[in-house]
């Protein structure tokens, strides 16, 4: 099984069975993405109809891209990613980037909320290890007309500074804890390291750089067998 972590700056291809990782500058449009993917997979001995999991930096519904704000969005809008991946011989699992990061950290027990801090704030919700799709909190109102994305993304750190960002993160975690009552809240992304050393409720877990893909492989291989 292959996993593609499609970030807005870097794209990483992980081969789970061979424990190999390849990293490239993120291709901005679908033509370059398909070219890079097909070329790499063929070079690495990809088997026809092997599973390929993609964490995409945007929204996808029924295989089609609805948004890709950090890429060349004009070329991605309405692009049938599922169909075109199947043309090069893969069996795709399409996730949002934040859902992919959620799979990397959840413990598959109870209600678990994952916040992925990047240029945009991603979020995902899992119940007993099952993903509830479409749980995007970034555009919800945080305070005074500002959204969670406005105050909690990496752009907010650059705009308002670390001190204000940390203060807003504490407020947001309290709001989400009160409204969703999760058993655990994970914060992923490199910026999560800025929160280390601050006092949070015990159910808040800083998982800034998850290293293992075993959890993701376990869950998705189960799903793949059911297809």
C-alpha atoms as a PDB file:
ATOM      1  CA  UNK A   1       0.000   0.000   0.000  1.00  0.00           C
ATOM      2  CA  UNK A   2       1.151   3.518  -0.879  1.00  0.00           C
ATOM      3  CA  UNK A   3       0.234   6.694   1.031  1.00  0.00           C
ATOM      4  CA  UNK A   4       0.543  10.154  -0.517  1.00  0.00           C
ATOM      5  CA  UNK A   5       0.747  13.094   1.890  1.00  0.00           C
ATOM      6  CA  UNK A   6      -0.047  15.991  -0.461  1.00  0.00           C
ATOM      7  CA  UNK A   7       1.007  19.140   1.392  1.00  0.00           C
ATOM      8  CA  UNK A   8       0.890  22.632  -0.029  1.00  0.00           C
ATOM      9  CA  UNK A   9       4.706  22.830  -0.168  1.00  0.00           C
ATOM     10  CA  UNK A  10       5.906  19.221  -0.199  1.00  0.00           C
ATOM     11  CA  UNK A  11       4.385  15.987  -1.407  1.00  0.00           C
ATOM     12  CA  UNK A  12       5.513  12.749   0.229  1.00  0.00           C
ATOM     13  CA  UNK A  13       5.033   9.236  -1.126  1.00  0.00           C
ATOM     14  CA  UNK A  14       5.229   6.483   1.496  1.00  0.00           C
ATOM     15  CA  UNK A  15       5.514   2.809   0.542  1.00  0.00           C
ATOM     16  CA  UNK A  16       4.244   1.043   3.661  1.00  0.00           C
ATOM     17  CA  UNK A  17       5.328  -2.484   2.759  1.00  0.00           C
ATOM     18  CA  UNK A  18       8.904  -1.495   1.880  1.00  0.00           C
ATOM     19  CA  UNK A  19       9.149   1.299   4.496  1.00  0.00           C
ATOM     20  CA  UNK A  20      10.368   3.809   1.913  1.00  0.00           C
ATOM     21  CA  UNK A  21       9.555   7.522   1.568  1.00  0.00           C
ATOM     22  CA  UNK A  22      10.053   9.889  -1.386  1.00  0.00           C
ATOM     23  CA  UNK A  23       9.637  13.669  -1.133  1.00  0.00           C
ATOM     24  CA  UNK A  24       9.172  16.260  -3.885  1.00  0.00           C
ATOM     25  CA  UNK A  25       8.024  19.854  -4.271  1.00  0.00           C
ATOM     26  CA  UNK A  26       4.221  19.743  -4.474  1.00  0.00           C
ATOM     27  CA  UNK A  27       2.943  19.663  -8.076  1.00  0.00           C
ATOM     28  CA  UNK A  28       0.445  22.538  -8.414  1.00  0.00           C
ATOM     29  CA  UNK A  29      -1.840  21.053 -11.089  1.00  0.00           C
ATOM     30  CA  UNK A  30      -3.358  17.619 -11.797  1.00  0.00           C
ATOM     31  CA  UNK A  31      -1.341  17.006 -14.965  1.00  0.00           C
ATOM     32  CA  UNK A  32       1.951  17.288 -13.094  1.00  0.00           C
ATOM     33  CA  UNK A  33       0.610  15.280 -10.172  1.00  0.00           C
ATOM     34  CA  UNK A  34      -0.470  12.370 -12.401  1.00  0.00           C
ATOM     35  CA  UNK A  35       2.827  12.479 -14.304  1.00  0.00           C
ATOM     36  CA  UNK A  36       4.913  12.402 -11.108  1.00  0.00           C
ATOM     37  CA  UNK A  37       2.779   9.712  -9.492  1.00  0.00           C
ATOM     38  CA  UNK A  38       2.780   7.371 -12.480  1.00  0.00           C
ATOM     39  CA  UNK A  39       6.507   7.789 -13.085  1.00  0.00           C
ATOM     40  CA  UNK A  40       7.449   7.115  -9.451  1.00  0.00           C
ATOM     41  CA  UNK A  41       5.120   4.152  -9.011  1.00  0.00           C
ATOM     42  CA  UNK A  42       6.326   2.460 -12.184  1.00  0.00           C
ATOM     43  CA  UNK A  43       9.946   2.952 -11.129  1.00  0.00           C
ATOM     44  CA  UNK A  44       9.229   1.384  -7.737  1.00  0.00           C
ATOM     45  CA  UNK A  45       7.451  -1.684  -9.106  1.00  0.00           C
ATOM     46  CA  UNK A  46       3.868  -0.682  -8.371  1.00  0.00           C
ATOM     47  CA  UNK A  47       1.439  -3.559  -8.870  1.00  0.00           C
ATOM     48  CA  UNK A  48      -1.685  -2.991 -10.934  1.00  0.00           C
ATOM     49  CA  UNK A  49      -4.723  -2.100  -8.780  1.00  0.00           C
ATOM     50  CA  UNK A  50      -2.569  -1.687  -5.681  1.00  0.00           C
ATOM     51  CA  UNK A  51      -4.135   0.644  -3.100  1.00  0.00           C
ATOM     52  CA  UNK A  52      -3.054   4.289  -3.114  1.00  0.00           C
ATOM     53  CA  UNK A  53      -4.178   6.526  -0.251  1.00  0.00           C
ATOM     54  CA  UNK A  54      -4.076  10.285  -0.867  1.00  0.00           C
ATOM     55  CA  UNK A  55      -4.425  13.040   1.701  1.00  0.00           C
ATOM     56  CA  UNK A  56      -5.420  15.967  -0.560  1.00  0.00           C
ATOM     57  CA  UNK A  57      -5.174  19.677   0.432  1.00  0.00           C
ATOM     58  CA  UNK A  58      -8.772  20.463  -0.456  1.00  0.00           C
ATOM     59  CA  UNK A  59     -12.264  19.000  -0.600  1.00  0.00           C
ATOM     60  CA  UNK A  60     -13.238  15.974  -2.686  1.00  0.00           C
ATOM     61  CA  UNK A  61     -16.722  14.526  -3.204  1.00  0.00           C
ATOM     62  CA  UNK A  62     -17.492  11.381  -5.185  1.00  0.00           C
ATOM     63  CA  UNK A  63     -13.985  11.436  -6.602  1.00  0.00           C
ATOM     64  CA  UNK A  64     -14.148  15.033  -7.879  1.00  0.00           C
ATOM     65  CA  UNK A  65     -12.183  17.983  -6.491  1.00  0.00           C
ATOM     66  CA  UNK A  66     -14.397  20.728  -5.061  1.00  0.00           C
ATOM     67  CA  UNK A  67     -11.592  22.979  -3.819  1.00  0.00           C
ATOM     68  CA  UNK A  68      -7.792  23.177  -3.762  1.00  0.00           C
ATOM     69  CA  UNK A  69      -7.078  26.648  -2.344  1.00  0.00           C
ATOM     70  CA  UNK A  70      -3.302  26.281  -2.003  1.00  0.00           C
ATOM     71  CA  UNK A  71      -2.733  24.706  -5.440  1.00  0.00           C
ATOM     72  CA  UNK A  72      -3.562  25.848  -8.987  1.00  0.00           C
ATOM     73  CA  UNK A  73      -7.262  25.791  -8.169  1.00  0.00           C
ATOM     74  CA  UNK A  74      -8.535  26.585 -11.670  1.00  0.00           C
ATOM     75  CA  UNK A  75      -7.023  23.382 -13.030  1.00  0.00           C
ATOM     76  CA  UNK A  76      -8.198  21.295 -10.071  1.00  0.00           C
ATOM     77  CA  UNK A  77     -11.844  22.389  -9.800  1.00  0.00           C
ATOM     78  CA  UNK A  78     -14.233  19.579 -10.875  1.00  0.00           C
ATOM     79  CA  UNK A  79     -11.253  17.379 -11.752  1.00  0.00           C
ATOM     80  CA  UNK A  80     -12.181  13.716 -11.401  1.00  0.00           C
ATOM     81  CA  UNK A  81      -9.176  12.560  -9.411  1.00  0.00           C
ATOM     82  CA  UNK A  82     -10.576   9.107  -8.718  1.00  0.00           C
ATOM     83  CA  UNK A  83     -11.246   8.368 -12.398  1.00  0.00           C
ATOM     84  CA  UNK A  84      -7.855   9.606 -13.598  1.00  0.00           C
ATOM     85  CA  UNK A  85      -5.943   7.685 -10.932  1.00  0.00           C
ATOM     86  CA  UNK A  86      -7.705   4.504 -12.001  1.00  0.00           C
ATOM     87  CA  UNK A  87      -6.525   5.156 -15.566  1.00  0.00           C
ATOM     88  CA  UNK A  88      -2.915   4.732 -14.428  1.00  0.00           C
ATOM     89  CA  UNK A  89      -3.789   1.464 -12.704  1.00  0.00           C
ATOM     90  CA  UNK A  90      -4.196   2.381  -9.027  1.00  0.00           C
ATOM     91  CA  UNK A  91      -7.060   1.770  -6.594  1.00  0.00           C
ATOM     92  CA  UNK A  92      -7.469   5.130  -4.837  1.00  0.00           C
ATOM     93  CA  UNK A  93      -8.638   6.043  -1.341  1.00  0.00           C
ATOM     94  CA  UNK A  94      -9.221   9.819  -1.351  1.00  0.00           C
ATOM     95  CA  UNK A  95      -9.080  11.752   1.920  1.00  0.00           C
ATOM     96  CA  UNK A  96      -8.624  15.359   2.890  1.00  0.00           C
ATOM     97  CA  UNK A  97      -5.153  16.210   4.146  1.00  0.00           C
ATOM     98  CA  UNK A  98      -6.491  16.673   7.686  1.00  0.00           C
ATOM     99  CA  UNK A  99      -8.324  13.312   7.617  1.00  0.00           C
ATOM    100  CA  UNK A 100      -5.078  11.610   6.631  1.00  0.00           C
ATOM    101  CA  UNK A 101      -3.270  13.226   9.552  1.00  0.00           C
ATOM    102  CA  UNK A 102      -6.119  12.156  11.798  1.00  0.00           C
ATOM    103  CA  UNK A 103      -5.615   8.521  10.879  1.00  0.00           C
ATOM    104  CA  UNK A 104      -1.952   8.861  11.848  1.00  0.00           C
ATOM    105  CA  UNK A 105      -2.653   9.751  15.474  1.00  0.00           C
ATOM    106  CA  UNK A 106      -6.043   8.491  16.676  1.00  0.00           C
ATOM    107  CA  UNK A 107      -6.221   5.660  19.194  1.00  0.00           C
ATOM    108  CA  UNK A 108      -9.478   4.246  17.737  1.00  0.00           C
ATOM    109  CA  UNK A 109     -11.323   4.471  21.057  1.00  0.00           C
ATOM    110  CA  UNK A 110     -14.110   6.920  21.879  1.00  0.00           C
ATOM    111  CA  UNK A 111     -14.585  10.335  20.296  1.00  0.00           C
ATOM    112  CA  UNK A 112     -11.363  11.866  18.992  1.00  0.00           C
ATOM    113  CA  UNK A 113     -10.945  15.317  17.427  1.00  0.00           C
ATOM    114  CA  UNK A 114      -7.860  16.111  15.350  1.00  0.00           C
ATOM    115  CA  UNK A 115      -6.766  19.660  14.514  1.00  0.00           C
ATOM    116  CA  UNK A 116      -4.152  19.891  11.757  1.00  0.00           C
ATOM    117  CA  UNK A 117      -2.327  23.242  11.839  1.00  0.00           C
ATOM    118  CA  UNK A 118      -1.008  24.352   8.459  1.00  0.00           C
ATOM    119  CA  UNK A 119      -1.546  27.319   6.138  1.00  0.00           C
ATOM    120  CA  UNK A 120      -5.197  26.351   6.607  1.00  0.00           C
ATOM    121  CA  UNK A 121      -6.634  24.794   9.753  1.00  0.00           C
ATOM    122  CA  UNK A 122      -7.802  21.260   9.067  1.00  0.00           C
ATOM    123  CA  UNK A 123      -9.943  19.134  11.353  1.00  0.00           C
ATOM    124  CA  UNK A 124     -11.327  15.621  11.514  1.00  0.00           C
ATOM    125  CA  UNK A 125     -13.517  13.706  13.930  1.00  0.00           C
ATOM    126  CA  UNK A 126     -13.328   9.976  14.666  1.00  0.00           C
ATOM    127  CA  UNK A 127     -15.680   7.818  16.737  1.00  0.00           C
ATOM    128  CA  UNK A 128     -14.175   4.474  17.783  1.00  0.00           C
ATOM    129  CA  UNK A 129     -11.735   4.788  14.896  1.00  0.00           C
ATOM    130  CA  UNK A 130     -14.404   5.516  12.277  1.00  0.00           C
ATOM    131  CA  UNK A 131     -13.984   8.789  10.403  1.00  0.00           C
ATOM    132  CA  UNK A 132     -16.982  11.113  10.260  1.00  0.00           C
ATOM    133  CA  UNK A 133     -16.349  12.758   6.864  1.00  0.00           C
ATOM    134  CA  UNK A 134     -16.840  16.445   6.236  1.00  0.00           C
ATOM    135  CA  UNK A 135     -15.984  17.648   9.745  1.00  0.00           C
ATOM    136  CA  UNK A 136     -14.274  20.888   8.763  1.00  0.00           C
ATOM    137  CA  UNK A 137     -14.277  23.453  11.570  1.00  0.00           C
ATOM    138  CA  UNK A 138     -11.965  26.019   9.986  1.00  0.00           C
ATOM    139  CA  UNK A 139     -14.746  28.231   8.613  1.00  0.00           C
ATOM    140  CA  UNK A 140     -16.815  28.268  11.807  1.00  0.00           C
ATOM    141  CA  UNK A 141     -16.904  31.551  13.732  1.00  0.00           C
ATOM    142  CA  UNK A 142     -14.375  31.833  16.516  1.00  0.00           C
ATOM    143  CA  UNK A 143     -14.951  35.401  17.771  1.00  0.00           C
ATOM    144  CA  UNK A 144     -15.732  38.904  16.477  1.00  0.00           C
ATOM    145  CA  UNK A 145     -16.337  37.758  12.909  1.00  0.00           C
ATOM    146  CA  UNK A 146     -13.089  35.794  12.687  1.00  0.00           C
ATOM    147  CA  UNK A 147     -13.085  32.093  11.859  1.00  0.00           C
ATOM    148  CA  UNK A 148     -11.050  29.337  13.465  1.00  0.00           C
ATOM    149  CA  UNK A 149      -8.924  29.343  10.328  1.00  0.00           C
ATOM    150  CA  UNK A 150      -8.288  33.081  10.721  1.00  0.00           C
ATOM    151  CA  UNK A 151      -6.867  32.724  14.222  1.00  0.00           C
ATOM    152  CA  UNK A 152      -5.398  29.199  14.431  1.00  0.00           C
ATOM    153  CA  UNK A 153      -3.590  28.577  11.127  1.00  0.00           C
ATOM    154  CA  UNK A 154       0.130  29.088  10.542  1.00  0.00           C
ATOM    155  CA  UNK A 155      -0.800  32.279   8.698  1.00  0.00           C
ATOM    156  CA  UNK A 156      -2.287  33.543  11.957  1.00  0.00           C
ATOM    157  CA  UNK A 157       1.036  32.916  13.709  1.00  0.00           C
ATOM    158  CA  UNK A 158       2.827  35.053  11.130  1.00  0.00           C
ATOM    159  CA  UNK A 159       0.149  37.752  11.250  1.00  0.00           C
ATOM    160  CA  UNK A 160      -0.572  38.020  14.992  1.00  0.00           C
ATOM    161  CA  UNK A 161       2.500  36.448  16.605  1.00  0.00           C
ATOM    162  CA  UNK A 162       3.038  33.342  18.716  1.00  0.00           C
ATOM    163  CA  UNK A 163       1.700  34.793  21.965  1.00  0.00           C
ATOM    164  CA  UNK A 164      -1.692  35.725  20.479  1.00  0.00           C
ATOM    165  CA  UNK A 165      -1.876  32.430  18.574  1.00  0.00           C
ATOM    166  CA  UNK A 166      -1.305  30.408  21.742  1.00  0.00           C
ATOM    167  CA  UNK A 167      -3.943  32.458  23.598  1.00  0.00           C
ATOM    168  CA  UNK A 168      -6.447  31.850  20.787  1.00  0.00           C
ATOM    169  CA  UNK A 169      -5.583  28.153  20.713  1.00  0.00           C
ATOM    170  CA  UNK A 170      -6.354  27.836  24.433  1.00  0.00           C
ATOM    171  CA  UNK A 171      -9.726  29.571  23.927  1.00  0.00           C
ATOM    172  CA  UNK A 172     -10.552  27.430  20.897  1.00  0.00           C
ATOM    173  CA  UNK A 173      -9.715  24.190  22.678  1.00  0.00           C
ATOM    174  CA  UNK A 174     -12.025  25.158  25.525  1.00  0.00           C
ATOM    175  CA  UNK A 175     -14.834  25.986  23.072  1.00  0.00           C
ATOM    176  CA  UNK A 176     -14.413  22.711  21.169  1.00  0.00           C
ATOM    177  CA  UNK A 177     -14.144  20.719  24.378  1.00  0.00           C
ATOM    178  CA  UNK A 178     -17.403  22.216  25.661  1.00  0.00           C
ATOM    179  CA  UNK A 179     -19.310  21.753  22.398  1.00  0.00           C
ATOM    180  CA  UNK A 180     -18.049  18.368  21.149  1.00  0.00           C
ATOM    181  CA  UNK A 181     -17.036  16.722  24.437  1.00  0.00           C
ATOM    182  CA  UNK A 182     -14.273  14.604  22.863  1.00  0.00           C
ATOM    183  CA  UNK A 183     -12.290  12.002  24.765  1.00  0.00           C
ATOM    184  CA  UNK A 184      -9.086  13.282  23.174  1.00  0.00           C
ATOM    185  CA  UNK A 185      -8.045  16.297  21.100  1.00  0.00           C
ATOM    186  CA  UNK A 186      -4.922  15.885  18.978  1.00  0.00           C
ATOM    187  CA  UNK A 187      -2.991  18.820  17.525  1.00  0.00           C
ATOM    188  CA  UNK A 188      -0.851  17.906  14.519  1.00  0.00           C
ATOM    189  CA  UNK A 189       1.479  19.914  12.318  1.00  0.00           C
ATOM    190  CA  UNK A 190       4.917  21.357  12.978  1.00  0.00           C
ATOM    191  CA  UNK A 191       3.454  24.411  14.747  1.00  0.00           C
ATOM    192  CA  UNK A 192       2.114  22.155  17.494  1.00  0.00           C
ATOM    193  CA  UNK A 193       5.609  22.207  18.992  1.00  0.00           C
ATOM    194  CA  UNK A 194       4.962  25.834  20.024  1.00  0.00           C
ATOM    195  CA  UNK A 195       2.393  24.537  22.526  1.00  0.00           C
ATOM    196  CA  UNK A 196       4.757  22.181  24.323  1.00  0.00           C
ATOM    197  CA  UNK A 197       5.235  23.248  27.925  1.00  0.00           C
ATOM    198  CA  UNK A 198       1.893  25.024  28.271  1.00  0.00           C
ATOM    199  CA  UNK A 199      -0.829  23.672  30.514  1.00  0.00           C
ATOM    200  CA  UNK A 200      -3.770  22.064  28.755  1.00  0.00           C
ATOM    201  CA  UNK A 201      -6.396  19.546  29.845  1.00  0.00           C
ATOM    202  CA  UNK A 202      -4.950  16.024  29.914  1.00  0.00           C
ATOM    203  CA  UNK A 203      -7.079  14.973  26.935  1.00  0.00           C
ATOM    204  CA  UNK A 204      -5.247  17.486  24.695  1.00  0.00           C
ATOM    205  CA  UNK A 205      -2.334  15.701  23.003  1.00  0.00           C
ATOM    206  CA  UNK A 206       0.358  17.476  20.990  1.00  0.00           C
ATOM    207  CA  UNK A 207       1.289  15.171  18.123  1.00  0.00           C
ATOM    208  CA  UNK A 208       3.222  17.608  15.965  1.00  0.00           C
ATOM    209  CA  UNK A 209       5.184  15.048  13.917  1.00  0.00           C
ATOM    210  CA  UNK A 210       3.632  11.581  13.909  1.00  0.00           C
ATOM    211  CA  UNK A 211       6.231   9.145  12.591  1.00  0.00           C
ATOM    212  CA  UNK A 212       4.314   5.876  12.261  1.00  0.00           C
ATOM    213  CA  UNK A 213       1.953   4.971   9.449  1.00  0.00           C
ATOM    214  CA  UNK A 214       1.021   1.622  10.999  1.00  0.00           C
ATOM    215  CA  UNK A 215      -2.295   2.896  12.378  1.00  0.00           C
ATOM    216  CA  UNK A 216      -3.325   4.270   8.998  1.00  0.00           C
ATOM    217  CA  UNK A 217      -2.336   1.056   7.245  1.00  0.00           C
ATOM    218  CA  UNK A 218      -4.313  -1.073   9.695  1.00  0.00           C
ATOM    219  CA  UNK A 219      -7.538   0.901   9.257  1.00  0.00           C
ATOM    220  CA  UNK A 220      -7.385   1.374   5.508  1.00  0.00           C
ATOM    221  CA  UNK A 221      -6.414  -2.210   4.751  1.00  0.00           C
ATOM    222  CA  UNK A 222      -9.534  -3.265   6.639  1.00  0.00           C
ATOM    223  CA  UNK A 223     -11.624  -0.861   4.587  1.00  0.00           C
ATOM    224  CA  UNK A 224      -9.975  -2.008   1.362  1.00  0.00           C
ATOM    225  CA  UNK A 225     -10.901  -5.634   2.007  1.00  0.00           C
ATOM    226  CA  UNK A 226     -14.556  -4.590   2.337  1.00  0.00           C
ATOM    227  CA  UNK A 227     -14.630  -2.954  -1.097  1.00  0.00           C
END
